Amino acid sequence: MKARPTPKMQPSSLTRSVSGGIFSGLSVLGVPRSVSSAPNTVVQLPGGDRLVLNEQVHTADGSLTVTGLHYTSPTGLDISIASATCGSATSN
């Protein structure tokens, strides 16, 4: 069984599949960007700022956090948009 979710956002949109997603209509600092969002796709920005698209972080406890868009800057600004975490199964 394969899941194929396809959420849409306007004016930009993200099409999601099991192989990754594609951000369409993405504009950064007024500059249109055409990027795929394979897991952990990095877009470097001026001044050391960066965007990570489809960020996927696996932790030692087995949990997974997926964030659609993660912006960080050298000044410490850290913004996550559309983030979800699933934990590992535990037994009692």
N, C-alpha and C. Protein backbone atom coordinates (compact mmCIF):
# COMPACT_ATOMS: atom_id res chain seq x y z
N MET A 1 0.84 -1.16 0.00
CA MET A 1 0.00 0.00 0.00
C MET A 1 0.88 1.23 0.00
N LYS A 2 0.55 2.21 -0.84
CA LYS A 2 1.28 3.46 -0.89
C LYS A 2 0.31 4.61 -0.70
N ALA A 3 0.72 5.56 0.13
CA ALA A 3 -0.10 6.76 0.33
C ALA A 3 0.40 7.85 -0.61
N ARG A 4 -0.50 8.58 -1.20
CA ARG A 4 -0.13 9.66 -2.10
C ARG A 4 -0.93 10.92 -1.78
N PRO A 5 -0.61 11.58 -0.64
CA PRO A 5 -1.33 12.81 -0.31
C PRO A 5 -0.94 13.93 -1.26
N THR A 6 -1.88 14.82 -1.55
CA THR A 6 -1.60 15.95 -2.43
C THR A 6 -2.24 17.23 -1.88
N PRO A 7 -1.68 17.78 -0.79
CA PRO A 7 -2.22 19.04 -0.28
C PRO A 7 -1.91 20.18 -1.23
N LYS A 8 -2.74 21.20 -1.24
CA LYS A 8 -2.54 22.38 -2.09
C LYS A 8 -2.60 23.63 -1.23
N MET A 9 -1.69 24.56 -1.45
CA MET A 9 -1.69 25.85 -0.76
C MET A 9 -1.67 26.94 -1.82
N GLN A 10 -2.34 28.05 -1.58
CA GLN A 10 -2.36 29.15 -2.54
C GLN A 10 -1.79 30.40 -1.90
N PRO A 11 -1.12 31.34 -2.58
CA PRO A 11 -0.87 31.27 -4.02
C PRO A 11 0.21 30.29 -4.39
N SER A 12 1.07 29.96 -3.46
CA SER A 12 2.06 28.91 -3.73
C SER A 12 1.40 27.57 -3.46
N SER A 13 1.96 26.53 -3.98
CA SER A 13 1.39 25.22 -3.69
C SER A 13 2.49 24.20 -3.49
N LEU A 14 2.17 23.17 -2.77
CA LEU A 14 3.07 22.05 -2.55
C LEU A 14 2.33 20.81 -2.98
N THR A 15 2.90 20.09 -3.91
CA THR A 15 2.34 18.82 -4.33
C THR A 15 3.20 17.74 -3.70
N ARG A 16 2.60 16.82 -3.00
CA ARG A 16 3.34 15.83 -2.23
C ARG A 16 3.13 14.45 -2.80
N SER A 17 4.19 13.69 -2.86
CA SER A 17 4.09 12.28 -3.26
C SER A 17 5.05 11.50 -2.38
N VAL A 18 5.08 10.19 -2.54
CA VAL A 18 5.97 9.38 -1.72
C VAL A 18 7.44 9.66 -2.02
N SER A 19 7.76 10.24 -3.16
CA SER A 19 9.15 10.51 -3.52
C SER A 19 9.58 11.92 -3.15
N GLY A 20 8.70 12.73 -2.59
CA GLY A 20 9.01 14.11 -2.25
C GLY A 20 7.92 15.01 -2.75
N GLY A 21 8.15 16.28 -2.73
CA GLY A 21 7.14 17.23 -3.17
C GLY A 21 7.76 18.25 -4.09
N ILE A 22 6.94 19.08 -4.65
CA ILE A 22 7.42 20.17 -5.49
C ILE A 22 6.70 21.43 -5.04
N PHE A 23 7.47 22.44 -4.64
CA PHE A 23 6.90 23.73 -4.31
C PHE A 23 6.76 24.49 -5.61
N SER A 24 5.56 24.95 -5.93
CA SER A 24 5.38 25.77 -7.12
C SER A 24 4.92 27.14 -6.67
N GLY A 25 5.35 28.15 -7.36
CA GLY A 25 5.00 29.51 -7.00
C GLY A 25 5.79 30.02 -5.80
N LEU A 26 6.89 29.37 -5.44
CA LEU A 26 7.70 29.78 -4.30
C LEU A 26 8.53 30.99 -4.70
N SER A 27 8.48 32.03 -3.88
CA SER A 27 9.25 33.23 -4.12
C SER A 27 10.00 33.57 -2.84
N VAL A 28 11.30 33.79 -2.95
CA VAL A 28 12.13 34.13 -1.80
C VAL A 28 12.78 35.47 -2.06
N LEU A 29 12.52 36.45 -1.18
CA LEU A 29 13.03 37.81 -1.34
C LEU A 29 12.62 38.38 -2.69
N GLY A 30 11.42 38.03 -3.14
CA GLY A 30 10.90 38.54 -4.40
C GLY A 30 11.42 37.82 -5.64
N VAL A 31 12.27 36.83 -5.43
CA VAL A 31 12.84 36.09 -6.56
C VAL A 31 12.15 34.73 -6.66
N PRO A 32 11.47 34.48 -7.80
CA PRO A 32 10.83 33.17 -7.96
C PRO A 32 11.86 32.05 -7.91
N ARG A 33 11.51 30.97 -7.23
CA ARG A 33 12.40 29.81 -7.11
C ARG A 33 11.64 28.57 -7.56
N SER A 34 12.28 27.76 -8.36
CA SER A 34 11.70 26.49 -8.76
C SER A 34 12.56 25.41 -8.12
N VAL A 35 12.03 24.76 -7.11
CA VAL A 35 12.81 23.75 -6.39
C VAL A 35 11.96 22.53 -6.11
N SER A 36 12.59 21.37 -6.16
CA SER A 36 11.92 20.16 -5.71
C SER A 36 12.12 20.11 -4.21
N SER A 37 11.34 19.31 -3.55
CA SER A 37 11.50 19.21 -2.10
C SER A 37 11.78 17.79 -1.68
N ALA A 38 12.82 17.23 -2.29
CA ALA A 38 13.31 15.96 -1.78
C ALA A 38 13.63 16.21 -0.31
N PRO A 39 13.63 15.20 0.51
CA PRO A 39 13.90 15.44 1.93
C PRO A 39 15.16 16.27 2.14
N ASN A 40 15.02 17.29 3.00
CA ASN A 40 16.12 18.15 3.43
C ASN A 40 16.75 18.97 2.30
N THR A 41 15.91 19.47 1.38
CA THR A 41 16.39 20.36 0.31
C THR A 41 16.74 21.71 0.92
N VAL A 42 17.98 22.17 0.72
CA VAL A 42 18.45 23.43 1.31
C VAL A 42 18.51 24.51 0.24
N VAL A 43 17.95 25.69 0.56
CA VAL A 43 18.06 26.88 -0.28
C VAL A 43 18.84 27.91 0.53
N GLN A 44 20.10 28.19 0.09
CA GLN A 44 20.93 29.18 0.78
C GLN A 44 20.45 30.58 0.40
N LEU A 45 20.41 31.47 1.38
CA LEU A 45 19.96 32.84 1.18
C LEU A 45 21.10 33.79 1.53
N PRO A 46 21.00 35.05 1.08
CA PRO A 46 22.04 36.02 1.41
C PRO A 46 22.21 36.18 2.92
N GLY A 47 23.43 36.47 3.34
CA GLY A 47 23.69 36.73 4.75
C GLY A 47 23.77 35.49 5.61
N GLY A 48 23.81 34.31 5.00
CA GLY A 48 23.89 33.07 5.77
C GLY A 48 22.55 32.50 6.18
N ASP A 49 21.45 33.17 5.83
CA ASP A 49 20.12 32.63 6.11
C ASP A 49 19.91 31.41 5.21
N ARG A 50 19.00 30.53 5.66
CA ARG A 50 18.71 29.37 4.81
C ARG A 50 17.30 28.86 5.04
N LEU A 51 16.79 28.23 4.01
CA LEU A 51 15.50 27.54 4.05
C LEU A 51 15.77 26.06 3.86
N VAL A 52 15.09 25.24 4.62
CA VAL A 52 15.11 23.80 4.37
C VAL A 52 13.69 23.40 4.03
N LEU A 53 13.51 22.80 2.87
CA LEU A 53 12.20 22.36 2.41
C LEU A 53 12.07 20.87 2.69
N ASN A 54 10.90 20.46 3.16
CA ASN A 54 10.64 19.06 3.47
C ASN A 54 11.70 18.50 4.42
N GLU A 55 11.96 19.25 5.49
CA GLU A 55 12.97 18.83 6.46
C GLU A 55 12.49 17.60 7.22
N GLN A 56 13.34 16.60 7.30
CA GLN A 56 13.01 15.36 8.00
C GLN A 56 14.12 15.04 8.99
N VAL A 57 13.75 15.03 10.27
CA VAL A 57 14.73 14.79 11.33
C VAL A 57 14.35 13.53 12.09
N HIS A 58 15.23 12.54 12.06
CA HIS A 58 15.06 11.29 12.81
C HIS A 58 15.87 11.42 14.09
N THR A 59 15.29 11.07 15.23
CA THR A 59 16.01 11.16 16.49
C THR A 59 16.35 9.77 17.02
N ALA A 60 17.23 9.75 18.00
CA ALA A 60 17.70 8.48 18.56
C ALA A 60 16.57 7.65 19.16
N ASP A 61 15.51 8.32 19.65
CA ASP A 61 14.40 7.57 20.26
C ASP A 61 13.44 6.98 19.22
N GLY A 62 13.74 7.19 17.93
CA GLY A 62 12.90 6.62 16.88
C GLY A 62 11.81 7.55 16.37
N SER A 63 11.70 8.75 16.93
CA SER A 63 10.67 9.67 16.45
C SER A 63 11.14 10.36 15.17
N LEU A 64 10.18 10.92 14.45
CA LEU A 64 10.45 11.60 13.19
C LEU A 64 9.70 12.93 13.20
N THR A 65 10.40 14.01 12.88
CA THR A 65 9.76 15.32 12.72
C THR A 65 9.92 15.73 11.27
N VAL A 66 8.79 16.08 10.64
CA VAL A 66 8.78 16.55 9.25
C VAL A 66 8.26 17.97 9.26
N THR A 67 9.03 18.87 8.65
CA THR A 67 8.65 20.28 8.58
C THR A 67 8.64 20.70 7.12
N GLY A 68 7.52 21.30 6.69
CA GLY A 68 7.39 21.72 5.29
C GLY A 68 8.40 22.78 4.92
N LEU A 69 8.57 23.80 5.78
CA LEU A 69 9.48 24.91 5.50
C LEU A 69 10.13 25.32 6.81
N HIS A 70 11.46 25.31 6.85
CA HIS A 70 12.20 25.67 8.06
C HIS A 70 13.21 26.75 7.70
N TYR A 71 13.03 27.94 8.29
CA TYR A 71 13.91 29.09 8.03
C TYR A 71 14.79 29.32 9.24
N THR A 72 16.09 29.49 9.02
CA THR A 72 17.01 29.84 10.10
C THR A 72 17.94 30.95 9.63
N SER A 73 18.39 31.76 10.60
CA SER A 73 19.35 32.82 10.29
C SER A 73 20.47 32.80 11.31
N PRO A 74 21.64 33.37 10.96
CA PRO A 74 22.75 33.42 11.90
C PRO A 74 22.43 34.23 13.16
N THR A 75 21.41 35.08 13.10
CA THR A 75 21.03 35.89 14.27
C THR A 75 20.23 35.09 15.29
N GLY A 76 19.91 33.83 14.96
CA GLY A 76 19.17 32.98 15.88
C GLY A 76 17.70 32.85 15.57
N LEU A 77 17.21 33.57 14.56
CA LEU A 77 15.81 33.44 14.17
C LEU A 77 15.58 32.05 13.62
N ASP A 78 14.53 31.39 14.09
CA ASP A 78 14.25 30.00 13.72
C ASP A 78 12.74 29.85 13.58
N ILE A 79 12.26 29.69 12.35
CA ILE A 79 10.82 29.61 12.08
C ILE A 79 10.51 28.31 11.35
N SER A 80 9.57 27.55 11.89
CA SER A 80 9.11 26.32 11.25
C SER A 80 7.66 26.49 10.84
N ILE A 81 7.34 26.12 9.61
CA ILE A 81 5.98 26.20 9.09
C ILE A 81 5.55 24.80 8.68
N ALA A 82 4.39 24.38 9.18
CA ALA A 82 3.80 23.07 8.85
C ALA A 82 4.70 21.95 9.34
N SER A 83 4.77 21.78 10.64
CA SER A 83 5.62 20.78 11.25
C SER A 83 4.80 19.75 12.02
N ALA A 84 5.20 18.49 11.93
CA ALA A 84 4.52 17.42 12.66
C ALA A 84 5.57 16.42 13.15
N THR A 85 5.33 15.86 14.32
CA THR A 85 6.24 14.87 14.89
C THR A 85 5.46 13.61 15.22
N CYS A 86 6.02 12.49 14.85
CA CYS A 86 5.44 11.21 15.27
C CYS A 86 6.48 10.52 16.13
N GLY A 87 6.03 9.97 17.23
CA GLY A 87 6.93 9.32 18.16
C GLY A 87 7.09 7.85 17.88
N SER A 88 8.06 7.27 18.50
CA SER A 88 8.27 5.83 18.36
C SER A 88 7.27 5.10 19.22
N ALA A 89 7.00 3.87 18.87
CA ALA A 89 6.09 3.05 19.65
C ALA A 89 6.80 2.66 20.95
N THR A 90 6.08 2.73 22.06
CA THR A 90 6.65 2.32 23.33
C THR A 90 5.78 1.25 23.95
N SER A 91 6.36 0.43 24.76
CA SER A 91 5.59 -0.59 25.45
C SER A 91 5.55 -0.28 26.93
N ASN A 92 4.46 -0.64 27.58
CA ASN A 92 4.32 -0.38 29.01
C ASN A 92 4.47 -1.67 29.79
